[in-house]
N, C-alpha and C. Protein backbone atom coordinates (compact mmCIF):
# COMPACT_ATOMS: atom_id res chain seq x y z
N MET A 1 100.85 176.58 105.06
CA MET A 1 101.76 176.15 105.74
C MET A 1 101.09 175.22 106.71
N GLY A 2 99.93 176.14 107.41
CA GLY A 2 99.17 175.45 108.78
C GLY A 2 98.34 174.10 107.87
N ARG A 3 98.12 174.28 106.75
CA ARG A 3 97.16 173.06 106.21
C ARG A 3 98.07 171.89 106.06
N ASN A 4 99.61 172.18 105.43
CA ASN A 4 100.48 171.10 105.33
C ASN A 4 100.48 170.31 106.80
N ALA A 5 100.57 171.42 107.58
CA ALA A 5 100.97 170.77 108.79
C ALA A 5 99.85 169.78 109.33
N VAL A 6 98.43 170.12 109.22
CA VAL A 6 97.60 169.30 109.71
C VAL A 6 97.51 168.05 108.94
N LEU A 7 97.88 168.40 107.76
CA LEU A 7 97.57 167.07 106.65
C LEU A 7 98.86 166.20 106.99
N GLY A 8 99.71 166.46 107.38
CA GLY A 8 100.94 165.69 108.00
C GLY A 8 100.68 164.96 109.24
N ALA A 9 100.04 165.90 110.01
CA ALA A 9 99.94 165.17 111.27
C ALA A 9 98.74 164.25 110.68
N SER A 10 97.57 164.01 110.33
CA SER A 10 96.68 163.34 109.95
C SER A 10 97.12 162.07 109.16
N LEU A 11 97.98 162.32 108.38
CA LEU A 11 98.57 161.18 107.76
C LEU A 11 99.68 160.37 108.96
N THR A 12 100.26 161.12 109.79
CA THR A 12 101.06 160.49 110.73
C THR A 12 100.10 159.64 111.50
N ALA A 13 99.16 160.11 112.44
CA ALA A 13 98.19 159.65 113.10
C ALA A 13 97.57 158.30 112.14
N CYS A 14 97.41 158.37 110.94
CA CYS A 14 96.50 157.13 110.21
C CYS A 14 97.84 155.98 110.11
N LEU A 15 98.92 156.37 110.13
CA LEU A 15 99.94 155.47 109.88
C LEU A 15 100.39 154.81 111.09
N VAL A 16 100.18 155.38 112.21
CA VAL A 16 100.28 154.78 113.61
C VAL A 16 99.15 154.07 114.05
N LEU A 17 98.16 154.21 113.55
CA LEU A 17 96.67 153.52 113.62
C LEU A 17 97.17 152.09 112.49
N LEU A 18 97.62 152.40 111.54
CA LEU A 18 97.97 151.10 110.76
C LEU A 18 98.92 150.39 111.23
N SER A 19 99.81 150.73 111.61
CA SER A 19 101.09 150.03 112.13
C SER A 19 100.59 149.01 113.09
N GLY A 20 99.75 149.82 114.23
CA GLY A 20 99.15 148.78 115.01
C GLY A 20 98.43 147.83 114.81
N CYS A 21 97.58 148.11 113.39
CA CYS A 21 96.95 146.95 113.06
C CYS A 21 97.26 145.98 112.12
N GLY A 22 98.51 146.33 111.56
CA GLY A 22 99.31 145.82 110.25
C GLY A 22 99.90 144.50 111.40
N THR A 23 99.91 144.17 112.46
CA THR A 23 100.51 143.09 113.29
C THR A 23 99.43 142.12 112.92
N ASN A 24 98.47 142.56 112.87
CA ASN A 24 97.37 141.78 112.63
C ASN A 24 96.64 141.29 111.54
N HIS A 25 97.19 142.40 110.54
CA HIS A 25 96.44 142.14 109.16
C HIS A 25 96.72 140.64 108.47
N TYR A 26 98.10 139.60 108.84
CA TYR A 26 97.73 138.57 108.12
C TYR A 26 96.80 137.75 108.97
N VAL A 27 96.76 137.95 110.21
CA VAL A 27 95.55 136.88 110.52
C VAL A 27 94.20 137.42 109.81
N GLN A 28 94.02 138.63 109.76
CA GLN A 28 92.54 138.82 109.41
C GLN A 28 92.57 138.62 107.57
N ARG A 29 93.84 138.94 107.09
CA ARG A 29 93.58 138.73 105.59
C ARG A 29 93.63 137.22 105.46
N GLY A 30 94.24 135.93 106.16
CA GLY A 30 93.88 134.65 105.77
C GLY A 30 92.59 134.25 106.24
N ALA A 31 91.93 134.93 107.42
CA ALA A 31 90.70 134.26 107.70
C ALA A 31 89.86 135.07 106.78
N ASP A 32 90.10 136.18 105.94
CA ASP A 32 89.08 136.95 105.17
C ASP A 32 89.34 135.66 104.02
N LEU A 33 90.22 135.66 103.26
CA LEU A 33 90.49 134.29 102.18
C LEU A 33 89.59 132.95 102.83
N TYR A 34 89.63 132.72 103.88
CA TYR A 34 89.13 131.32 104.23
C TYR A 34 87.82 131.69 104.32
N SER A 35 87.24 132.49 104.84
CA SER A 35 85.93 132.64 104.50
C SER A 35 85.04 132.91 103.26
N GLU A 36 86.01 133.26 102.20
CA GLU A 36 85.86 133.40 100.96
C GLU A 36 85.98 132.20 100.03
N GLY A 37 86.17 130.92 100.81
CA GLY A 37 86.39 129.67 100.79
C GLY A 37 87.77 129.60 99.35
N ARG A 38 88.39 130.46 99.92
CA ARG A 38 89.78 130.56 98.83
C ARG A 38 91.05 129.67 99.86
N PHE A 39 90.99 128.80 100.14
CA PHE A 39 91.70 127.73 101.02
C PHE A 39 93.18 127.66 100.57
N VAL A 40 93.53 127.81 99.60
CA VAL A 40 94.95 127.79 99.14
C VAL A 40 95.46 128.71 99.34
N GLU A 41 95.03 130.03 98.82
CA GLU A 41 95.57 131.42 99.39
C GLU A 41 95.71 131.85 100.85
N ALA A 42 94.50 131.03 101.19
CA ALA A 42 94.48 131.49 102.71
C ALA A 42 95.97 130.66 103.36
N ASP A 43 96.21 129.61 103.15
CA ASP A 43 97.48 129.11 103.79
C ASP A 43 98.34 129.59 103.46
N GLU A 44 98.47 129.85 102.21
CA GLU A 44 99.87 130.63 101.48
C GLU A 44 99.98 131.97 102.65
N VAL A 45 98.85 132.62 102.75
CA VAL A 45 99.08 133.96 103.80
C VAL A 45 99.90 133.28 104.91
N PHE A 46 99.08 132.63 105.56
CA PHE A 46 99.48 131.96 107.06
C PHE A 46 100.62 131.59 106.72
N GLU A 47 101.20 130.58 105.73
CA GLU A 47 102.64 130.07 105.85
C GLU A 47 103.74 131.13 105.69
N ARG A 48 103.26 131.85 104.90
CA ARG A 48 104.23 133.35 104.71
C ARG A 48 104.44 134.25 106.09
N SER A 49 103.12 134.25 106.76
CA SER A 49 103.23 134.89 108.02
C SER A 49 103.92 133.91 109.36
N GLU A 50 103.90 132.53 109.29
CA GLU A 50 104.03 131.81 110.82
C GLU A 50 105.52 132.68 111.45
N PRO A 51 106.14 133.37 110.62
CA PRO A 51 107.25 133.44 111.59
C PRO A 51 106.87 134.58 112.16
N ARG A 52 106.24 135.43 111.76
CA ARG A 52 106.00 136.70 112.95
C ARG A 52 105.12 136.14 114.21
N LEU A 53 104.75 135.01 114.30
CA LEU A 53 103.95 134.38 115.80
C LEU A 53 104.58 134.50 116.76
N ALA A 54 106.04 134.33 116.55
CA ALA A 54 107.39 134.19 117.72
C ALA A 54 106.80 135.78 118.32
N HIS A 55 106.27 136.45 117.79
CA HIS A 55 106.73 138.30 118.56
C HIS A 55 105.04 138.43 118.67
N ALA A 56 103.85 137.88 117.86
CA ALA A 56 102.74 138.38 118.09
C ALA A 56 102.32 138.34 119.65
N PRO A 57 101.45 139.08 119.91
CA PRO A 57 100.53 138.67 121.41
C PRO A 57 99.89 137.54 121.31
N LEU A 58 99.63 137.12 122.25
CA LEU A 58 98.82 135.65 122.56
C LEU A 58 97.43 135.69 121.61
N GLU A 59 96.80 136.99 122.07
CA GLU A 59 95.63 136.99 120.95
C GLU A 59 95.67 136.48 119.60
N GLN A 60 96.75 137.02 119.09
CA GLN A 60 97.11 136.93 117.44
C GLN A 60 96.96 135.53 117.22
N ARG A 61 98.03 135.12 118.09
CA ARG A 61 98.67 133.76 118.02
C ARG A 61 97.49 132.62 118.18
N ALA A 62 96.60 132.88 118.88
CA ALA A 62 95.52 131.90 119.10
C ALA A 62 94.53 132.01 118.44
N ALA A 63 94.32 133.29 117.85
CA ALA A 63 93.13 133.39 116.30
C ALA A 63 94.02 132.86 115.34
N TYR A 64 95.25 133.15 115.07
CA TYR A 64 96.03 132.67 113.85
C TYR A 64 96.08 131.01 113.70
N ALA A 65 96.15 130.30 114.91
CA ALA A 65 96.09 128.89 115.06
C ALA A 65 94.80 128.31 114.86
N ALA A 66 93.56 129.15 115.16
CA ALA A 66 92.45 128.58 114.86
C ALA A 66 92.15 128.58 113.31
N TYR A 67 92.47 129.60 112.70
CA TYR A 67 92.43 130.01 111.33
C TYR A 67 93.22 128.82 110.59
N ARG A 68 94.46 128.84 110.77
CA ARG A 68 95.20 127.86 110.02
C ARG A 68 95.21 126.52 110.63
N GLY A 69 94.25 126.31 111.47
CA GLY A 69 93.97 124.70 111.87
C GLY A 69 92.43 124.60 110.72
N ALA A 70 91.62 125.80 110.87
CA ALA A 70 90.46 125.20 109.81
C ALA A 70 90.97 125.06 108.58
N THR A 71 91.93 126.11 108.02
CA THR A 71 92.44 126.02 106.69
C THR A 71 92.94 124.62 106.43
N PHE A 72 93.62 123.87 107.32
CA PHE A 72 94.18 122.82 106.98
C PHE A 72 93.22 121.68 107.07
N ILE A 73 91.93 121.93 107.64
CA ILE A 73 90.94 121.01 107.62
C ILE A 73 90.19 120.94 106.21
N ALA A 74 90.10 122.31 105.66
CA ALA A 74 89.16 122.21 104.40
C ALA A 74 89.96 121.95 103.14
N LEU A 75 91.74 121.85 103.48
CA LEU A 75 92.49 121.19 102.34
C LEU A 75 92.73 119.83 102.75
N GLY A 76 92.12 119.10 103.79
CA GLY A 76 92.31 117.75 103.90
C GLY A 76 93.50 117.30 104.78
N ASP A 77 94.30 118.10 105.50
CA ASP A 77 95.53 118.03 105.80
C ASP A 77 94.91 117.71 107.36
N LEU A 78 94.58 116.90 107.70
CA LEU A 78 94.24 116.73 109.29
C LEU A 78 95.04 116.60 110.19
N VAL A 79 96.28 115.88 110.18
CA VAL A 79 97.44 116.13 111.28
C VAL A 79 97.83 117.46 111.46
N HIS A 80 98.28 118.34 110.28
CA HIS A 80 98.24 119.52 110.44
C HIS A 80 97.07 120.27 111.38
N ALA A 81 96.06 120.23 111.19
CA ALA A 81 94.98 120.91 111.41
C ALA A 81 94.79 120.55 112.83
N GLN A 82 94.78 119.55 113.24
CA GLN A 82 95.05 118.83 114.51
C GLN A 82 96.25 119.64 115.64
N HIS A 83 97.20 119.79 114.96
CA HIS A 83 98.30 120.52 115.51
C HIS A 83 97.72 122.13 115.90
N TRP A 84 97.32 122.92 114.68
CA TRP A 84 97.13 124.02 115.17
C TRP A 84 95.59 124.25 115.96
N LEU A 85 94.56 123.66 115.98
CA LEU A 85 93.45 123.49 116.82
C LEU A 85 93.91 123.49 118.21
N ASN A 86 95.14 122.12 118.50
CA ASN A 86 95.61 121.87 120.06
C ASN A 86 95.72 123.45 120.11
N LEU A 87 97.04 123.70 119.62
CA LEU A 87 97.86 124.98 120.01
C LEU A 87 96.72 126.30 120.39
N ALA A 88 95.40 126.51 119.46
CA ALA A 88 94.48 127.16 119.68
C ALA A 88 94.10 127.20 121.35
N ALA A 89 93.57 125.92 121.00
CA ALA A 89 92.61 125.17 122.46
C ALA A 89 93.69 125.24 123.84
N ASP A 90 94.69 125.19 123.48
CA ASP A 90 95.73 125.11 124.60
C ASP A 90 96.24 126.61 124.99
N ILE A 91 96.05 127.36 124.06
CA ILE A 91 96.49 128.72 124.32
C ILE A 91 94.91 129.22 125.28
N GLU A 92 93.62 129.03 124.49
CA GLU A 92 92.33 129.50 125.48
C GLU A 92 92.20 128.95 126.64
N ARG A 93 92.63 127.85 126.69
CA ARG A 93 92.56 126.81 128.09
C ARG A 93 93.54 127.84 128.81
N ALA A 94 94.63 127.57 128.94
CA ALA A 94 95.77 128.30 129.68
C ALA A 94 95.42 129.86 130.04
N HIS A 95 94.70 130.55 128.80
CA HIS A 95 94.58 132.20 129.28
C HIS A 95 93.15 132.30 128.94
N PRO A 96 91.88 131.96 129.64
CA PRO A 96 90.65 132.16 129.18
C PRO A 96 90.43 133.40 128.98
N GLY A 97 89.50 133.93 127.67
CA GLY A 97 89.29 134.79 127.00
C GLY A 97 90.16 135.50 126.23
N THR A 98 91.47 134.48 125.86
CA THR A 98 92.14 135.22 125.02
C THR A 98 91.45 135.15 123.70
N LEU A 99 90.71 134.33 123.12
CA LEU A 99 89.75 134.55 121.94
C LEU A 99 88.77 135.34 122.42
N HIS A 100 88.14 136.08 121.06
CA HIS A 100 87.14 136.85 120.99
C HIS A 100 85.71 135.66 121.28
N PRO A 101 84.78 135.99 121.80
CA PRO A 101 83.96 134.76 121.58
C PRO A 101 83.65 134.42 120.20
N GLU A 102 83.34 135.40 119.24
CA GLU A 102 83.29 135.08 118.02
C GLU A 102 84.45 133.83 117.30
N GLU A 103 85.70 134.12 117.67
CA GLU A 103 86.59 133.35 117.42
C GLU A 103 86.94 132.20 118.22
N ARG A 104 86.09 131.95 119.65
CA ARG A 104 85.86 130.67 120.24
C ARG A 104 85.05 129.80 119.81
N ALA A 105 84.00 130.62 118.99
CA ALA A 105 82.94 129.54 118.50
C ALA A 105 83.41 129.31 117.05
N PHE A 106 84.12 129.79 116.45
CA PHE A 106 84.83 129.52 115.26
C PHE A 106 85.57 128.12 115.61
N LEU A 107 86.33 128.34 116.78
CA LEU A 107 87.53 127.06 116.99
C LEU A 107 86.42 126.07 117.41
N ASP A 108 85.29 126.37 117.98
CA ASP A 108 84.53 125.36 118.41
C ASP A 108 84.02 124.26 117.05
N GLY A 109 83.62 125.25 116.38
CA GLY A 109 83.03 124.57 115.26
C GLY A 109 84.06 123.85 114.02
N ALA A 110 85.25 124.33 114.29
CA ALA A 110 86.52 123.93 113.72
C ALA A 110 86.58 122.57 114.01
N TRP A 111 86.51 122.43 115.39
CA TRP A 111 86.86 120.82 116.19
C TRP A 111 85.77 119.87 115.74
N ARG A 112 84.37 120.70 115.63
CA ARG A 112 83.66 119.77 114.93
C ARG A 112 83.58 119.33 113.44
N ALA A 113 84.24 120.04 112.87
CA ALA A 113 84.32 119.93 111.37
C ALA A 113 85.66 118.85 111.34
N PHE A 114 86.57 119.27 112.32
CA PHE A 114 87.67 118.23 112.26
C PHE A 114 87.40 116.74 112.83
N SER A 115 86.01 116.55 113.46
CA SER A 115 85.72 115.13 113.89
C SER A 115 84.70 114.49 112.88
N ASN A 116 84.32 115.21 111.85
CA ASN A 116 83.29 114.83 111.12
C ASN A 116 84.17 114.60 109.61
N ARG A 117 85.63 114.82 109.80
CA ARG A 117 86.35 114.31 108.85
C ARG A 117 87.41 113.23 108.74
N LEU A 118 86.96 112.82 110.01
CA LEU A 118 87.92 111.59 110.50
C LEU A 118 87.48 110.30 109.90
N PRO A 119 88.08 109.41 109.63
CA PRO A 119 87.70 108.30 108.82
C PRO A 119 87.00 107.40 110.04
N ALA A 120 85.95 106.70 109.77
CA ALA A 120 85.34 105.98 110.72
C ALA A 120 86.03 104.61 111.25
N THR A 121 86.03 104.67 112.59
CA THR A 121 86.95 103.54 112.73
C THR A 121 86.06 101.98 112.72
N PRO A 122 86.85 101.05 112.30
CA PRO A 122 86.22 100.00 111.95
C PRO A 122 86.15 99.09 113.18
N PRO A 123 84.81 98.23 113.29
CA PRO A 123 84.58 97.44 114.46
C PRO A 123 85.49 96.64 114.68
N PRO A 124 85.60 96.71 116.04
CA PRO A 124 86.86 95.52 116.80
C PRO A 124 86.70 94.21 115.82
N ALA A 125 87.56 93.74 115.61
CA ALA A 125 87.57 92.40 115.06
C ALA A 125 87.48 91.00 115.96
N SER A 126 86.49 90.47 115.74
CA SER A 126 86.49 89.25 116.53
C SER A 126 87.48 88.33 116.76
N THR A 127 88.17 87.82 117.77
CA THR A 127 88.97 86.85 117.89
C THR A 127 88.82 85.62 118.26
N ALA A 128 87.38 85.56 118.75
CA ALA A 128 86.82 84.37 119.35
C ALA A 128 86.28 83.22 118.36
N VAL A 129 86.55 82.14 117.99
CA VAL A 129 86.63 81.16 117.42
C VAL A 129 85.72 80.10 118.35
N ALA A 130 84.20 80.06 117.93
CA ALA A 130 83.54 79.06 118.82
C ALA A 130 83.77 77.45 118.27
N SER A 131 84.31 77.04 117.01
CA SER A 131 84.74 75.88 116.94
C SER A 131 85.80 75.80 115.78
N SER A 132 86.15 74.91 115.36
CA SER A 132 87.16 74.89 114.49
C SER A 132 86.75 74.96 113.31
N SER A 133 85.33 74.59 113.06
CA SER A 133 84.87 74.49 111.67
C SER A 133 84.57 76.17 111.35
N GLN A 134 84.57 76.59 112.37
CA GLN A 134 84.12 78.25 112.03
C GLN A 134 85.54 79.08 111.40
N VAL A 135 85.54 79.36 110.37
CA VAL A 135 86.51 79.88 109.59
C VAL A 135 86.42 81.18 109.13
N PRO A 136 86.98 82.37 109.35
CA PRO A 136 86.94 83.61 108.77
C PRO A 136 86.72 83.71 107.49
N SER A 137 85.97 84.36 106.85
CA SER A 137 85.84 84.34 105.34
C SER A 137 87.35 85.11 105.08
N PRO A 138 87.78 84.86 103.64
CA PRO A 138 88.68 85.19 103.17
C PRO A 138 88.89 86.97 102.91
N SER A 139 87.29 87.06 102.54
CA SER A 139 87.12 88.62 101.74
C SER A 139 87.37 89.35 103.29
N VAL A 140 87.14 89.06 104.45
CA VAL A 140 86.96 89.75 105.56
C VAL A 140 88.77 89.93 105.74
N GLN A 141 89.40 91.47 106.04
CA GLN A 141 90.53 91.63 106.46
C GLN A 141 90.35 91.99 108.09
N SER A 142 91.27 91.67 108.71
CA SER A 142 91.53 92.10 109.84
C SER A 142 92.61 93.36 110.05
N VAL A 143 91.84 94.49 110.34
CA VAL A 143 92.41 95.44 110.06
C VAL A 143 92.53 96.12 111.92
N PRO A 144 93.77 96.32 112.15
CA PRO A 144 93.92 96.39 113.88
C PRO A 144 93.55 97.65 114.15
N PRO A 145 92.53 98.18 115.32
CA PRO A 145 91.95 99.32 115.63
C PRO A 145 93.28 100.39 115.64
N THR A 146 93.19 101.60 115.42
CA THR A 146 93.83 103.02 115.60
C THR A 146 93.28 103.58 116.56
N ALA A 147 94.43 104.21 117.13
CA ALA A 147 93.98 105.05 118.39
C ALA A 147 93.46 106.02 117.56
N PRO A 148 92.26 106.82 118.19
CA PRO A 148 91.43 107.72 117.45
C PRO A 148 92.37 108.93 118.12
N LEU A 149 91.89 110.36 117.08
CA LEU A 149 92.55 111.41 117.36
C LEU A 149 91.39 112.13 118.22
N GLN A 150 92.24 112.53 119.34
CA GLN A 150 91.26 112.95 120.58
C GLN A 150 90.89 114.47 120.20
N GLN A 151 89.83 114.93 120.25
CA GLN A 151 89.21 116.06 120.18
C GLN A 151 89.28 117.03 121.70
N ARG A 152 89.95 118.07 121.49
CA ARG A 152 90.12 118.89 122.65
C ARG A 152 88.96 119.92 122.65
N SER A 153 88.20 119.95 123.94
CA SER A 153 87.33 121.01 124.65
C SER A 153 87.84 121.70 125.07
N LEU A 154 86.84 123.28 124.53
CA LEU A 154 87.58 124.74 125.26
C LEU A 154 86.60 124.39 126.98
N VAL A 155 85.36 123.85 127.16
CA VAL A 155 84.80 123.75 128.10
C VAL A 155 85.60 122.76 129.21
N PRO A 156 85.71 123.25 130.12
CA PRO A 156 86.32 122.61 131.45
C PRO A 156 85.43 121.57 131.61
N GLN A 157 86.26 120.28 131.73
CA GLN A 157 85.25 119.24 132.07
C GLN A 157 85.66 118.68 133.74
């Protein structure tokens, strides 16, 4: 009987430890899938886990947002990527040290990847015409400049 009690106590201790880690499991599972290059699966894990964010500690929300943003970059969805990267950066900026150093480095790398994925902005179109004999070529299209998406830095400026 004593042996069963020890086994039961050990099992209980393991379950308590696992339940403490369980709330972070979805962040780690999504991060593992991301690091394996399984971006669609990572996105699915993050999407299913999103409702848990409301009750998650700040550290988990920041890490989740960083990995979710990076996953969207990998999938080519820059609008959603920017949203999640901004969220992670905002949390870290408001509460420095929320992200572990490796997570902060990951977030900085995600911002660099985001910047590299942005389409190049066309040079501003010149509207000045020196004389009436100068007519723009019909093959040149005038594209209004778009406001570039702003990258946020975790480094105070």
